[in-house]
Amino acid sequence: MQKNVEAMAKFTVKILATMLEIPIFVLAVWLAITANSLIHTTGMVFGKTVMGGMLETSLSQNATGGNMQVAGVNLTNLFTEMKIYFIDGFFEVAIAVFSIVIIYKIIISLHTELFQAIDLASTSAIDNSIDSMRTEAGGWGARI
């Protein structure tokens, strides 16, 4: 009888976990999309602000002189702009990689961690209820 109660309790927990699986996955995907949008927005604002400041500094330095020109091309300005656009590209790639990692972690980890937490919480509740039933059943047997 006791093993039947334990088996039914475990079966019920598995059914509830299965019913919650799809809504939790949808929630994880929604959170991942929201985090992706937030990362891209924040990263782009930060990156463009840094790039704008670097370009302003470059223009003010080039206006003061010290430019190296070869065949009518300002090499100092060219190398400075190439460096700035390289850093801008690096920011774009870093933001994309960070976004991918965050999306992966949210979808996989949230789903897994939440189910582990539900499973652990339900097993302790089941253990407590089984102990309670065992205590009550022991009392009834003694009275008969």
C-alpha atoms as a PDB file:
ATOM      1  CA  MET A   1       0.000   0.000   0.000  1.00  0.00           C
ATOM      2  CA  GLN A   2       2.775   2.412   0.958  1.00  0.00           C
ATOM      3  CA  LYS A   3       4.687   1.795  -2.262  1.00  0.00           C
ATOM      4  CA  ASN A   4       1.508   2.447  -4.235  1.00  0.00           C
ATOM      5  CA  VAL A   5       1.069   5.826  -2.525  1.00  0.00           C
ATOM      6  CA  GLU A   6       4.686   6.737  -3.251  1.00  0.00           C
ATOM      7  CA  ALA A   7       4.386   5.644  -6.876  1.00  0.00           C
ATOM      8  CA  MET A   8       1.170   7.631  -7.355  1.00  0.00           C
ATOM      9  CA  ALA A   9       2.744  10.709  -5.759  1.00  0.00           C
ATOM     10  CA  LYS A  10       5.792  10.499  -8.031  1.00  0.00           C
ATOM     11  CA  PHE A  11       3.566   9.943 -11.050  1.00  0.00           C
ATOM     12  CA  THR A  12       1.461  12.992 -10.148  1.00  0.00           C
ATOM     13  CA  VAL A  13       4.577  15.151  -9.800  1.00  0.00           C
ATOM     14  CA  LYS A  14       5.828  13.991 -13.201  1.00  0.00           C
ATOM     15  CA  ILE A  15       2.484  14.825 -14.803  1.00  0.00           C
ATOM     16  CA  LEU A  16       2.488  18.311 -13.263  1.00  0.00           C
ATOM     17  CA  ALA A  17       6.082  18.882 -14.388  1.00  0.00           C
ATOM     18  CA  THR A  18       5.181  17.785 -17.907  1.00  0.00           C
ATOM     19  CA  MET A  19       2.191  20.147 -17.952  1.00  0.00           C
ATOM     20  CA  LEU A  20       4.421  23.055 -16.902  1.00  0.00           C
ATOM     21  CA  GLU A  21       7.196  22.257 -19.368  1.00  0.00           C
ATOM     22  CA  ILE A  22       5.841  24.114 -22.405  1.00  0.00           C
ATOM     23  CA  PRO A  23       4.777  27.308 -20.551  1.00  0.00           C
ATOM     24  CA  ILE A  24       8.167  27.450 -18.827  1.00  0.00           C
ATOM     25  CA  PHE A  25       9.947  27.012 -22.153  1.00  0.00           C
ATOM     26  CA  VAL A  26       7.844  29.801 -23.697  1.00  0.00           C
ATOM     27  CA  LEU A  27       8.647  32.021 -20.703  1.00  0.00           C
ATOM     28  CA  ALA A  28      12.361  31.264 -21.103  1.00  0.00           C
ATOM     29  CA  VAL A  29      12.270  32.147 -24.810  1.00  0.00           C
ATOM     30  CA  TRP A  30      10.416  35.390 -24.071  1.00  0.00           C
ATOM     31  CA  LEU A  31      12.958  36.316 -21.385  1.00  0.00           C
ATOM     32  CA  ALA A  32      15.804  35.504 -23.784  1.00  0.00           C
ATOM     33  CA  ILE A  33      14.336  37.732 -26.515  1.00  0.00           C
ATOM     34  CA  THR A  34      13.838  40.549 -24.015  1.00  0.00           C
ATOM     35  CA  ALA A  35      17.402  40.177 -22.729  1.00  0.00           C
ATOM     36  CA  ASN A  36      18.705  40.148 -26.318  1.00  0.00           C
ATOM     37  CA  SER A  37      16.882  43.386 -27.096  1.00  0.00           C
ATOM     38  CA  LEU A  38      18.148  45.003 -23.909  1.00  0.00           C
ATOM     39  CA  ILE A  39      21.744  43.941 -24.567  1.00  0.00           C
ATOM     40  CA  HIS A  40      21.683  45.192 -28.159  1.00  0.00           C
ATOM     41  CA  THR A  41      20.076  48.507 -27.235  1.00  0.00           C
ATOM     42  CA  THR A  42      22.439  49.177 -24.349  1.00  0.00           C
ATOM     43  CA  GLY A  43      25.480  47.970 -26.256  1.00  0.00           C
ATOM     44  CA  MET A  44      24.719  50.011 -29.329  1.00  0.00           C
ATOM     45  CA  VAL A  45      24.104  53.189 -27.340  1.00  0.00           C
ATOM     46  CA  PHE A  46      27.361  52.656 -25.455  1.00  0.00           C
ATOM     47  CA  GLY A  47      29.308  51.734 -28.590  1.00  0.00           C
ATOM     48  CA  LYS A  48      28.027  54.630 -30.676  1.00  0.00           C
ATOM     49  CA  THR A  49      28.716  57.093 -27.853  1.00  0.00           C
ATOM     50  CA  VAL A  50      32.291  55.848 -27.569  1.00  0.00           C
ATOM     51  CA  MET A  51      32.749  55.952 -31.354  1.00  0.00           C
ATOM     52  CA  GLY A  52      31.339  59.484 -31.561  1.00  0.00           C
ATOM     53  CA  GLY A  53      33.740  60.657 -28.855  1.00  0.00           C
ATOM     54  CA  MET A  54      36.683  58.995 -30.590  1.00  0.00           C
ATOM     55  CA  LEU A  55      35.776  60.575 -33.934  1.00  0.00           C
ATOM     56  CA  GLU A  56      35.449  64.032 -32.350  1.00  0.00           C
ATOM     57  CA  THR A  57      38.824  63.626 -30.672  1.00  0.00           C
ATOM     58  CA  SER A  58      40.352  62.465 -33.940  1.00  0.00           C
ATOM     59  CA  LEU A  59      38.950  65.451 -35.838  1.00  0.00           C
ATOM     60  CA  SER A  60      40.162  67.916 -33.211  1.00  0.00           C
ATOM     61  CA  GLN A  61      43.647  66.377 -33.227  1.00  0.00           C
ATOM     62  CA  ASN A  62      43.823  66.396 -37.021  1.00  0.00           C
ATOM     63  CA  ALA A  63      42.794  70.052 -37.109  1.00  0.00           C
ATOM     64  CA  THR A  64      45.759  71.049 -34.922  1.00  0.00           C
ATOM     65  CA  GLY A  65      48.294  69.719 -37.399  1.00  0.00           C
ATOM     66  CA  GLY A  66      50.918  66.982 -37.353  1.00  0.00           C
ATOM     67  CA  ASN A  67      49.345  65.227 -40.311  1.00  0.00           C
ATOM     68  CA  MET A  68      51.383  62.925 -42.503  1.00  0.00           C
ATOM     69  CA  GLN A  69      50.335  63.140 -46.157  1.00  0.00           C
ATOM     70  CA  VAL A  70      51.387  60.903 -49.001  1.00  0.00           C
ATOM     71  CA  ALA A  71      50.143  61.617 -52.543  1.00  0.00           C
ATOM     72  CA  GLY A  72      47.443  63.941 -51.184  1.00  0.00           C
ATOM     73  CA  VAL A  73      46.047  61.348 -48.733  1.00  0.00           C
ATOM     74  CA  ASN A  74      46.104  62.223 -45.045  1.00  0.00           C
ATOM     75  CA  LEU A  75      47.555  58.981 -43.592  1.00  0.00           C
ATOM     76  CA  THR A  76      47.196  60.043 -39.962  1.00  0.00           C
ATOM     77  CA  ASN A  77      43.497  60.649 -40.415  1.00  0.00           C
ATOM     78  CA  LEU A  78      43.095  57.423 -42.419  1.00  0.00           C
ATOM     79  CA  PHE A  79      44.807  55.236 -39.783  1.00  0.00           C
ATOM     80  CA  THR A  80      42.884  56.886 -36.968  1.00  0.00           C
ATOM     81  CA  GLU A  81      39.552  56.301 -38.696  1.00  0.00           C
ATOM     82  CA  MET A  82      40.505  52.708 -39.523  1.00  0.00           C
ATOM     83  CA  LYS A  83      41.334  52.125 -35.853  1.00  0.00           C
ATOM     84  CA  ILE A  84      38.026  53.664 -34.755  1.00  0.00           C
ATOM     85  CA  TYR A  85      35.988  51.561 -37.192  1.00  0.00           C
ATOM     86  CA  PHE A  86      37.924  48.442 -36.169  1.00  0.00           C
ATOM     87  CA  ILE A  87      36.996  49.103 -32.526  1.00  0.00           C
ATOM     88  CA  ASP A  88      33.386  49.706 -33.589  1.00  0.00           C
ATOM     89  CA  GLY A  89      33.351  46.344 -35.406  1.00  0.00           C
ATOM     90  CA  PHE A  90      34.872  44.675 -32.358  1.00  0.00           C
ATOM     91  CA  PHE A  91      32.079  46.119 -30.193  1.00  0.00           C
ATOM     92  CA  GLU A  92      29.470  44.802 -32.651  1.00  0.00           C
ATOM     93  CA  VAL A  93      30.942  41.278 -32.586  1.00  0.00           C
ATOM     94  CA  ALA A  94      31.373  41.301 -28.787  1.00  0.00           C
ATOM     95  CA  ILE A  95      27.756  42.372 -28.279  1.00  0.00           C
ATOM     96  CA  ALA A  96      26.525  39.653 -30.657  1.00  0.00           C
ATOM     97  CA  VAL A  97      28.579  36.927 -28.932  1.00  0.00           C
ATOM     98  CA  PHE A  98      27.495  38.097 -25.470  1.00  0.00           C
ATOM     99  CA  SER A  99      23.881  38.127 -26.631  1.00  0.00           C
ATOM    100  CA  ILE A 100      24.149  34.569 -27.975  1.00  0.00           C
ATOM    101  CA  VAL A 101      25.654  33.336 -24.701  1.00  0.00           C
ATOM    102  CA  ILE A 102      22.947  35.040 -22.637  1.00  0.00           C
ATOM    103  CA  ILE A 103      20.148  33.637 -24.837  1.00  0.00           C
ATOM    104  CA  TYR A 104      21.578  30.118 -24.598  1.00  0.00           C
ATOM    105  CA  LYS A 105      22.044  30.343 -20.838  1.00  0.00           C
ATOM    106  CA  ILE A 106      18.551  31.707 -20.222  1.00  0.00           C
ATOM    107  CA  ILE A 107      16.767  29.121 -22.361  1.00  0.00           C
ATOM    108  CA  ILE A 108      18.762  26.088 -21.202  1.00  0.00           C
ATOM    109  CA  SER A 109      19.519  27.026 -17.601  1.00  0.00           C
ATOM    110  CA  LEU A 110      16.151  28.527 -16.649  1.00  0.00           C
ATOM    111  CA  HIS A 111      14.318  25.487 -17.937  1.00  0.00           C
ATOM    112  CA  THR A 112      16.665  23.023 -16.233  1.00  0.00           C
ATOM    113  CA  GLU A 113      17.081  24.877 -12.944  1.00  0.00           C
ATOM    114  CA  LEU A 114      13.377  25.520 -12.544  1.00  0.00           C
ATOM    115  CA  PHE A 115      12.539  21.861 -13.078  1.00  0.00           C
ATOM    116  CA  GLN A 116      15.199  20.796 -10.610  1.00  0.00           C
ATOM    117  CA  ALA A 117      13.797  23.228  -8.051  1.00  0.00           C
ATOM    118  CA  ILE A 118      10.224  22.027  -8.648  1.00  0.00           C
ATOM    119  CA  ASP A 119      11.281  18.396  -8.451  1.00  0.00           C
ATOM    120  CA  LEU A 120      13.208  18.922  -5.210  1.00  0.00           C
ATOM    121  CA  ALA A 121      10.412  20.947  -3.633  1.00  0.00           C
ATOM    122  CA  SER A 122       7.787  18.409  -4.626  1.00  0.00           C
ATOM    123  CA  THR A 123       9.799  15.452  -3.351  1.00  0.00           C
ATOM    124  CA  SER A 124      10.221  17.028   0.084  1.00  0.00           C
ATOM    125  CA  ALA A 125       6.483  17.810   0.166  1.00  0.00           C
ATOM    126  CA  ILE A 126       5.713  14.241  -0.865  1.00  0.00           C
ATOM    127  CA  ASP A 127       8.068  12.870   1.789  1.00  0.00           C
ATOM    128  CA  ASN A 128       6.388  15.011   4.452  1.00  0.00           C
ATOM    129  CA  SER A 129       2.902  13.949   3.383  1.00  0.00           C
ATOM    130  CA  ILE A 130       3.911  10.274   3.318  1.00  0.00           C
ATOM    131  CA  ASP A 131       5.391  10.573   6.814  1.00  0.00           C
ATOM    132  CA  SER A 132       2.170  12.232   7.954  1.00  0.00           C
ATOM    133  CA  MET A 133       0.069   9.429   6.456  1.00  0.00           C
ATOM    134  CA  ARG A 134       2.352   6.829   8.013  1.00  0.00           C
ATOM    135  CA  THR A 135       1.947   8.418  11.444  1.00  0.00           C
ATOM    136  CA  GLU A 136      -1.841   8.567  11.079  1.00  0.00           C
ATOM    137  CA  ALA A 137      -2.027   4.997   9.815  1.00  0.00           C
ATOM    138  CA  GLY A 138       0.118   3.782  12.715  1.00  0.00           C
ATOM    139  CA  GLY A 139      -2.263   5.422  15.184  1.00  0.00           C
ATOM    140  CA  TRP A 140      -5.306   3.802  13.592  1.00  0.00           C
ATOM    141  CA  GLY A 141      -3.748   0.371  13.669  1.00  0.00           C
ATOM    142  CA  ALA A 142      -3.027   0.704  17.373  1.00  0.00           C
ATOM    143  CA  ARG A 143      -6.635   1.631  18.163  1.00  0.00           C
ATOM    144  CA  ILE A 144      -8.083  -1.375  16.364  1.00  0.00           C
END
